[in-house]
Amino acid sequence: GVGHMGVKVAKSMGHHVTVISSSNKKRAEAMDDLGADAYLISSDEAQMAAAADSLDYIIDTVPVKHPLEPYLALLKMDGKLVLMGVIAEPLSFVSPMVMLGRKTITGSFIGSIEETEE
């Protein structure tokens, strides 16, 4: 899926990649097959707290409504949360989490093969 491609592209560009998932079910695939550098379980409050302010950007591929605050808390100053999962209802977030860290929430559709190659 989109998340798999995101890991592959980011790794090929030399980035340190952390896969975030709600359970441990995808750990082996993320680490062994896709080459992720780290794996974070979003339902584990201790792991999420330990990872706070550690990521430059997050590519969010979740296609259902979900709280953004746990992910915004993971971003460093000037970090970006890129929404790629199509969600048919309004999202909400606590605005100070964005303002205090000068964080950005943006979105992107997947482009054509030509755009992806570019």
C-alpha atoms as a PDB file:
ATOM      1  CA  GLY A   1       0.000   0.000   0.000  1.00  0.00           C
ATOM      2  CA  VAL A   2       0.893   3.664   0.248  1.00  0.00           C
ATOM      3  CA  GLY A   3       2.705   3.170   3.550  1.00  0.00           C
ATOM      4  CA  HIS A   4       4.841   0.402   2.088  1.00  0.00           C
ATOM      5  CA  MET A   5       5.836   2.619  -0.829  1.00  0.00           C
ATOM      6  CA  GLY A   6       6.568   5.495   1.534  1.00  0.00           C
ATOM      7  CA  VAL A   7       9.015   3.348   3.501  1.00  0.00           C
ATOM      8  CA  LYS A   8      10.722   2.094   0.346  1.00  0.00           C
ATOM      9  CA  VAL A   9      11.066   5.549  -1.214  1.00  0.00           C
ATOM     10  CA  ALA A  10      12.282   7.171   2.017  1.00  0.00           C
ATOM     11  CA  LYS A  11      14.859   4.413   2.589  1.00  0.00           C
ATOM     12  CA  SER A  12      16.100   4.682  -1.002  1.00  0.00           C
ATOM     13  CA  MET A  13      16.632   8.411  -0.386  1.00  0.00           C
ATOM     14  CA  GLY A  14      18.759   7.658   2.688  1.00  0.00           C
ATOM     15  CA  HIS A  15      16.260   8.660   5.401  1.00  0.00           C
ATOM     16  CA  HIS A  16      15.983   7.101   8.844  1.00  0.00           C
ATOM     17  CA  VAL A  17      12.470   5.604   8.765  1.00  0.00           C
ATOM     18  CA  THR A  18      10.182   4.835  11.688  1.00  0.00           C
ATOM     19  CA  VAL A  19       7.034   2.853  10.955  1.00  0.00           C
ATOM     20  CA  ILE A  20       4.111   3.669  13.242  1.00  0.00           C
ATOM     21  CA  SER A  21       1.337   1.115  13.653  1.00  0.00           C
ATOM     22  CA  SER A  22      -1.366   0.437  16.229  1.00  0.00           C
ATOM     23  CA  SER A  23      -0.058  -3.052  17.073  1.00  0.00           C
ATOM     24  CA  ASN A  24       3.008  -5.249  16.756  1.00  0.00           C
ATOM     25  CA  LYS A  25       1.487  -7.278  13.875  1.00  0.00           C
ATOM     26  CA  LYS A  26       3.388  -5.494  11.099  1.00  0.00           C
ATOM     27  CA  ARG A  27       6.785  -5.228  12.858  1.00  0.00           C
ATOM     28  CA  ALA A  28       8.543  -8.101  11.026  1.00  0.00           C
ATOM     29  CA  GLU A  29       7.325  -6.897   7.642  1.00  0.00           C
ATOM     30  CA  ALA A  30       8.311  -3.286   8.371  1.00  0.00           C
ATOM     31  CA  MET A  31      11.740  -4.098   9.738  1.00  0.00           C
ATOM     32  CA  ASP A  32      12.780  -7.189   7.752  1.00  0.00           C
ATOM     33  CA  ASP A  33      11.020  -6.794   4.405  1.00  0.00           C
ATOM     34  CA  LEU A  34      10.825  -3.010   4.018  1.00  0.00           C
ATOM     35  CA  GLY A  35      14.004  -2.062   5.890  1.00  0.00           C
ATOM     36  CA  ALA A  36      12.529   0.346   8.430  1.00  0.00           C
ATOM     37  CA  ASP A  37      14.977   1.544  11.066  1.00  0.00           C
ATOM     38  CA  ALA A  38      12.484   1.674  13.937  1.00  0.00           C
ATOM     39  CA  TYR A  39       8.952   0.572  14.778  1.00  0.00           C
ATOM     40  CA  LEU A  40       6.601   2.474  17.054  1.00  0.00           C
ATOM     41  CA  ILE A  41       3.316   1.134  18.441  1.00  0.00           C
ATOM     42  CA  SER A  42       0.868   4.032  18.580  1.00  0.00           C
ATOM     43  CA  SER A  43      -1.314   2.333  21.204  1.00  0.00           C
ATOM     44  CA  ASP A  44       1.669   2.080  23.590  1.00  0.00           C
ATOM     45  CA  GLU A  45       1.640   5.329  25.582  1.00  0.00           C
ATOM     46  CA  ALA A  46       5.168   4.787  26.944  1.00  0.00           C
ATOM     47  CA  GLN A  47       6.627   4.289  23.456  1.00  0.00           C
ATOM     48  CA  MET A  48       4.791   7.323  22.126  1.00  0.00           C
ATOM     49  CA  ALA A  49       5.979   9.483  25.038  1.00  0.00           C
ATOM     50  CA  ALA A  50       9.569   8.308  24.544  1.00  0.00           C
ATOM     51  CA  ALA A  51       9.376   9.241  20.849  1.00  0.00           C
ATOM     52  CA  ALA A  52       7.944  12.741  21.443  1.00  0.00           C
ATOM     53  CA  ASP A  53       9.621  15.542  19.470  1.00  0.00           C
ATOM     54  CA  SER A  54      11.748  13.063  17.506  1.00  0.00           C
ATOM     55  CA  LEU A  55      10.423  13.027  13.936  1.00  0.00           C
ATOM     56  CA  ASP A  56      10.883  15.565  11.149  1.00  0.00           C
ATOM     57  CA  TYR A  57       7.781  14.505   9.286  1.00  0.00           C
ATOM     58  CA  ILE A  58       5.076  11.845   9.286  1.00  0.00           C
ATOM     59  CA  ILE A  59       3.316  10.441   6.251  1.00  0.00           C
ATOM     60  CA  ASP A  60      -0.111   9.516   7.627  1.00  0.00           C
ATOM     61  CA  THR A  61      -1.798   6.897   5.431  1.00  0.00           C
ATOM     62  CA  VAL A  62      -4.660   6.018   7.818  1.00  0.00           C
ATOM     63  CA  PRO A  63      -7.907   6.194   5.770  1.00  0.00           C
ATOM     64  CA  VAL A  64     -10.297   6.630   8.718  1.00  0.00           C
ATOM     65  CA  LYS A  65     -10.925   9.465  11.161  1.00  0.00           C
ATOM     66  CA  HIS A  66      -8.378   9.407  13.979  1.00  0.00           C
ATOM     67  CA  PRO A  67      -6.944  11.865  16.501  1.00  0.00           C
ATOM     68  CA  LEU A  68      -3.990  13.847  15.176  1.00  0.00           C
ATOM     69  CA  GLU A  69      -2.580  14.974  18.536  1.00  0.00           C
ATOM     70  CA  PRO A  70      -0.615  11.765  19.246  1.00  0.00           C
ATOM     71  CA  TYR A  71       1.177  12.159  15.918  1.00  0.00           C
ATOM     72  CA  LEU A  72       1.668  15.911  16.224  1.00  0.00           C
ATOM     73  CA  ALA A  73       3.388  15.245  19.558  1.00  0.00           C
ATOM     74  CA  LEU A  74       5.974  13.091  17.749  1.00  0.00           C
ATOM     75  CA  LEU A  75       7.063  15.929  15.474  1.00  0.00           C
ATOM     76  CA  LYS A  76      10.087  18.137  16.115  1.00  0.00           C
ATOM     77  CA  MET A  77       9.903  21.915  15.822  1.00  0.00           C
ATOM     78  CA  ASP A  78       8.845  22.785  12.245  1.00  0.00           C
ATOM     79  CA  GLY A  79       7.770  19.173  11.639  1.00  0.00           C
ATOM     80  CA  LYS A  80       5.188  18.228   9.013  1.00  0.00           C
ATOM     81  CA  LEU A  81       2.267  15.840   9.145  1.00  0.00           C
ATOM     82  CA  VAL A  82       1.354  14.818   5.583  1.00  0.00           C
ATOM     83  CA  LEU A  83      -2.126  13.310   5.272  1.00  0.00           C
ATOM     84  CA  MET A  84      -2.441  10.760   2.470  1.00  0.00           C
ATOM     85  CA  GLY A  85      -5.323   8.619   3.709  1.00  0.00           C
ATOM     86  CA  VAL A  86      -8.584   9.870   2.230  1.00  0.00           C
ATOM     87  CA  ILE A  87     -11.002  10.570   5.092  1.00  0.00           C
ATOM     88  CA  ALA A  88     -14.600  11.528   4.301  1.00  0.00           C
ATOM     89  CA  GLU A  89     -15.304  13.462   7.493  1.00  0.00           C
ATOM     90  CA  PRO A  90     -13.729  16.523   9.125  1.00  0.00           C
ATOM     91  CA  LEU A  91     -10.622  16.051  11.223  1.00  0.00           C
ATOM     92  CA  SER A  92      -9.941  18.094  14.321  1.00  0.00           C
ATOM     93  CA  PHE A  93      -6.931  18.867  16.461  1.00  0.00           C
ATOM     94  CA  VAL A  94      -5.927  21.102  19.338  1.00  0.00           C
ATOM     95  CA  SER A  95      -4.417  24.161  17.654  1.00  0.00           C
ATOM     96  CA  PRO A  96      -1.700  24.965  20.260  1.00  0.00           C
ATOM     97  CA  MET A  97      -0.012  21.668  19.343  1.00  0.00           C
ATOM     98  CA  VAL A  98       0.530  23.071  15.852  1.00  0.00           C
ATOM     99  CA  MET A  99       1.304  26.664  16.808  1.00  0.00           C
ATOM    100  CA  LEU A 100       3.750  26.029  19.651  1.00  0.00           C
ATOM    101  CA  GLY A 101       5.876  23.717  17.542  1.00  0.00           C
ATOM    102  CA  ARG A 102       5.449  25.655  14.276  1.00  0.00           C
ATOM    103  CA  LYS A 103       4.160  22.387  12.845  1.00  0.00           C
ATOM    104  CA  THR A 104       2.423  21.968   9.509  1.00  0.00           C
ATOM    105  CA  ILE A 105      -0.488  19.744   8.557  1.00  0.00           C
ATOM    106  CA  THR A 106      -0.724  19.232   4.825  1.00  0.00           C
ATOM    107  CA  GLY A 107      -2.007  16.645   2.383  1.00  0.00           C
ATOM    108  CA  SER A 108      -1.100  14.972  -0.860  1.00  0.00           C
ATOM    109  CA  PHE A 109      -2.690  12.588  -3.319  1.00  0.00           C
ATOM    110  CA  ILE A 110      -0.600   9.899  -4.897  1.00  0.00           C
ATOM    111  CA  GLY A 111       0.485  11.023  -8.326  1.00  0.00           C
ATOM    112  CA  SER A 112       1.000   9.216 -11.568  1.00  0.00           C
ATOM    113  CA  ILE A 113       3.880   6.797 -12.136  1.00  0.00           C
ATOM    114  CA  GLU A 114       5.757   9.628 -13.869  1.00  0.00           C
ATOM    115  CA  GLU A 115       5.313  11.901 -10.853  1.00  0.00           C
ATOM    116  CA  THR A 116       6.415   9.122  -8.500  1.00  0.00           C
ATOM    117  CA  GLU A 117       9.522   8.444 -10.589  1.00  0.00           C
ATOM    118  CA  GLU A 118      10.319  12.163 -10.604  1.00  0.00           C
END
